[in-house]
Amino acid sequence: MIDLGLTKLALIGVVALVVIGPEKLPRVARMAGSLFGRAQRYINEVKSEVSREIELEELRKMQKEVQDTAQEVGQSISQGMSEVENDIHSAWNDERGAGGLTEPPTAEDLALKAKNFRRKKLARTSAVPGWYKNQTGRRAHVMSGAARMARHRAKRATPTSFF
């Protein structure tokens, strides 16, 4: 930038006063100040625009890097999954060939296993042991109060006809 000291500004002012004259000098000074302000604003806008473009370019580079790494991670995960899937299929085929399972379990088999598991778990975790229930002959399930009342309620006699 131009290095303007106090002495240089004073010299420029004296020359302008002599050349322009004292009556036009304030108007010329205002116009020069407004032009100088516009130039400063324009330079600041250009600087901010350039900095925004640089930041935008950096963000684009970062976005591209992130997308590339995400694609690499996705490819490695899919490759690992395919390897595991191939291992499972080969193990399944080896088991079938060795006289093991002939077909995968059906939904009914799985439901039966789940039901048996729940029943066994209930038998293990209930407060009254199974041998005591079998010895006393008591029922293993609990009835609600409403069901017990309905069971022991006196039955209504069916109305007999007069004819």
Protein backbone atom coordinates (compact mmCIF):
# COMPACT_ATOMS: atom_id res chain seq x y z
CA MET A 1 0.00 0.00 0.00
CA ILE A 2 1.05 3.61 -0.34
CA ASP A 3 2.90 4.89 2.69
CA LEU A 4 1.40 8.29 3.45
CA GLY A 5 2.69 10.12 6.46
CA LEU A 6 1.47 13.37 8.01
CA THR A 7 3.99 15.46 6.11
CA LYS A 8 3.02 13.96 2.75
CA LEU A 9 -0.69 14.56 3.43
CA ALA A 10 0.04 18.19 4.36
CA LEU A 11 2.03 18.65 1.15
CA ILE A 12 -0.82 17.15 -0.94
CA GLY A 13 -3.31 19.47 0.81
CA VAL A 14 -1.24 22.58 0.09
CA VAL A 15 -0.82 21.65 -3.59
CA ALA A 16 -4.59 20.93 -3.90
CA LEU A 17 -5.39 24.29 -2.26
CA VAL A 18 -3.17 26.09 -4.75
CA VAL A 19 -4.36 24.17 -7.84
CA ILE A 20 -8.09 23.83 -7.11
CA GLY A 21 -8.66 26.94 -5.10
CA PRO A 22 -10.19 27.54 -1.70
CA GLU A 23 -13.83 27.70 -2.83
CA LYS A 24 -13.88 24.32 -4.68
CA LEU A 25 -11.57 22.44 -2.28
CA PRO A 26 -14.30 21.28 0.22
CA ARG A 27 -16.47 19.88 -2.57
CA VAL A 28 -13.51 18.09 -4.20
CA ALA A 29 -12.39 16.75 -0.80
CA ARG A 30 -15.93 15.34 -0.12
CA MET A 31 -16.00 13.73 -3.54
CA ALA A 32 -12.50 12.26 -3.08
CA GLY A 33 -13.51 10.93 0.36
CA SER A 34 -16.67 9.29 -0.99
CA LEU A 35 -14.71 7.73 -3.88
CA PHE A 36 -12.06 6.52 -1.43
CA GLY A 37 -14.82 4.98 0.78
CA ARG A 38 -16.40 3.26 -2.21
CA ALA A 39 -13.01 1.86 -3.21
CA GLN A 40 -12.45 0.54 0.32
CA ARG A 41 -15.91 -1.10 0.39
CA TYR A 42 -15.31 -2.67 -3.01
CA ILE A 43 -11.93 -4.03 -1.92
CA ASN A 44 -13.46 -5.44 1.29
CA GLU A 45 -16.25 -7.12 -0.72
CA VAL A 46 -13.71 -8.65 -3.09
CA LYS A 47 -11.66 -9.92 -0.11
CA SER A 48 -14.71 -11.46 1.57
CA GLU A 49 -15.82 -13.05 -1.71
CA VAL A 50 -12.38 -14.56 -2.25
CA SER A 51 -12.29 -15.88 1.33
CA ARG A 52 -15.78 -17.37 0.91
CA GLU A 53 -14.70 -19.08 -2.31
CA ILE A 54 -11.61 -20.48 -0.59
CA GLU A 55 -13.72 -21.78 2.32
CA LEU A 56 -16.26 -23.23 -0.11
CA GLU A 57 -13.48 -24.98 -2.03
CA GLU A 58 -12.09 -26.39 1.23
CA LEU A 59 -15.57 -27.62 2.19
CA ARG A 60 -15.97 -29.27 -1.21
CA LYS A 61 -12.63 -31.03 -0.76
CA MET A 62 -13.63 -32.19 2.73
CA GLN A 63 -17.01 -33.40 1.43
CA LYS A 64 -15.32 -35.35 -1.34
CA GLU A 65 -12.90 -36.92 1.16
CA VAL A 66 -15.75 -37.89 3.48
CA GLN A 67 -17.72 -39.41 0.60
CA ASP A 68 -14.67 -41.36 -0.55
CA THR A 69 -14.02 -42.73 2.95
CA ALA A 70 -17.71 -43.59 3.36
CA GLN A 71 -17.65 -45.50 0.08
CA GLU A 72 -14.50 -47.33 1.16
CA VAL A 73 -16.08 -48.26 4.49
CA GLY A 74 -19.25 -49.41 2.74
CA GLN A 75 -17.25 -51.54 0.33
CA SER A 76 -15.21 -53.10 3.14
CA ILE A 77 -18.39 -53.86 5.11
CA SER A 78 -20.11 -55.42 2.10
CA GLN A 79 -16.98 -57.44 1.33
CA GLY A 80 -16.82 -58.67 4.94
CA MET A 81 -20.51 -59.55 4.90
CA SER A 82 -20.13 -61.51 1.66
CA GLU A 83 -17.17 -63.42 3.14
CA VAL A 84 -19.18 -64.26 6.26
CA GLU A 85 -22.17 -65.25 4.14
CA ASN A 86 -19.98 -67.53 2.02
CA ASP A 87 -18.51 -69.10 5.17
CA ILE A 88 -21.99 -69.73 6.56
CA HIS A 89 -23.20 -71.25 3.30
CA SER A 90 -20.14 -73.48 3.07
CA ALA A 91 -20.56 -74.59 6.69
CA TRP A 92 -24.25 -75.28 6.07
CA ASN A 93 -23.48 -77.29 2.97
CA ASP A 94 -20.75 -79.24 4.82
CA GLU A 95 -23.21 -80.05 7.63
CA ARG A 96 -25.84 -81.23 5.16
CA GLY A 97 -23.29 -83.34 3.32
CA ALA A 98 -22.04 -84.96 6.55
CA GLY A 99 -25.49 -86.36 7.39
CA GLY A 100 -26.54 -83.52 9.66
CA LEU A 101 -29.62 -81.42 9.07
CA THR A 102 -31.40 -82.04 5.82
CA GLU A 103 -33.39 -78.81 5.78
CA PRO A 104 -33.54 -75.59 7.77
CA PRO A 105 -35.98 -75.51 10.69
CA THR A 106 -39.51 -74.41 9.82
CA ALA A 107 -41.54 -71.72 11.53
CA GLU A 108 -43.62 -74.37 13.33
CA ASP A 109 -40.47 -76.01 14.74
CA LEU A 110 -39.22 -72.66 15.96
CA ALA A 111 -42.59 -71.82 17.55
CA LEU A 112 -42.67 -75.21 19.33
CA LYS A 113 -39.13 -74.69 20.63
CA ALA A 114 -40.04 -71.23 21.91
CA LYS A 115 -43.17 -72.56 23.65
CA ASN A 116 -41.21 -75.38 25.32
CA PHE A 117 -38.52 -72.96 26.39
CA ARG A 118 -41.07 -70.63 28.02
CA ARG A 119 -42.74 -73.55 29.79
CA LYS A 120 -39.43 -74.89 31.13
CA LYS A 121 -38.36 -71.42 32.23
CA LEU A 122 -41.66 -70.94 34.08
CA ALA A 123 -41.21 -74.30 35.79
CA ARG A 124 -37.70 -73.32 36.90
CA THR A 125 -38.57 -69.87 38.18
CA SER A 126 -41.95 -70.50 39.85
CA ALA A 127 -42.18 -70.27 43.63
CA VAL A 128 -43.69 -73.75 44.19
CA PRO A 129 -41.57 -76.73 43.10
CA GLY A 130 -42.98 -79.07 40.48
CA TRP A 131 -42.67 -82.19 42.65
CA TYR A 132 -44.85 -80.57 45.32
CA LYS A 133 -47.46 -79.62 42.75
CA ASN A 134 -47.56 -83.19 41.42
CA GLN A 135 -47.69 -84.70 44.93
CA THR A 136 -50.55 -82.57 46.19
CA GLY A 137 -52.52 -82.77 42.97
CA ARG A 138 -53.08 -79.01 42.85
CA ARG A 139 -53.50 -77.29 39.58
CA ALA A 140 -50.43 -75.62 38.16
CA HIS A 141 -52.18 -72.55 36.78
CA VAL A 142 -53.80 -69.71 38.68
CA MET A 143 -57.39 -68.66 38.14
CA SER A 144 -58.52 -65.10 38.43
CA GLY A 145 -61.11 -64.17 41.01
CA ALA A 146 -63.79 -63.60 38.38
CA ALA A 147 -63.14 -67.01 36.81
CA ARG A 148 -63.30 -68.71 40.22
CA MET A 149 -66.62 -66.98 41.03
CA ALA A 150 -68.06 -68.01 37.70
CA ARG A 151 -66.97 -71.59 38.23
CA HIS A 152 -68.56 -71.93 41.68
CA ARG A 153 -71.68 -69.89 41.02
CA ALA A 154 -74.94 -71.81 41.27
CA LYS A 155 -76.35 -72.71 37.90
CA ARG A 156 -79.70 -71.34 36.97
CA ALA A 157 -82.38 -73.83 36.36
CA THR A 158 -83.85 -73.74 32.92
CA PRO A 159 -87.44 -72.59 32.98
CA THR A 160 -89.93 -75.36 32.55
CA SER A 161 -92.85 -74.83 30.29
CA PHE A 162 -96.45 -75.05 31.40
CA PHE A 163 -97.39 -77.29 28.51
